[in-house]
Amino acid sequence: LPEPRLPRFDLLSKIIIDALVIAIVAFAVSLSLAKIFAKKHKYRIDANQELIALGSANVFASLFSCYPSSASLSRSSVQEKTGGRTQVAGLVSSAFMLVFLLFLGPLLYHLP
């Protein structure tokens, strides 16, 4: 894994518009998906809390040169359909993906 380091702030003037657009779209997708599931399962969503969570996750991820994170309709729907109710379901699916990538990923190396 890469060591944590601060992003290059000298590039900020070149990417600020794109970064803001990505942040707005990611937040809109995440919030709309959260509202869909909140309505379906009868609970409330606090948009400010969602914004803080998504923003802090992306700021932390930027220290490791990660892609911006957002919600995924397909993944959330699959987890909901299979009975996942808590964040543990996400951790379990992430663990399976990690095992797959570490042990079976090299077998897929030659696929385009």
Foldseek 3Di string as FASTA:
>chain_A
DDAFDADDCVCCVVCVVVVVVVLVVQLVQQVVLVVVVCVVVVHDDDSVVSSVVQVVVQNVVVRVVDDRDHDDPVVVVVCVVVPNDDCVSVVVVVVVVVVCCVPVVVVCVPPD
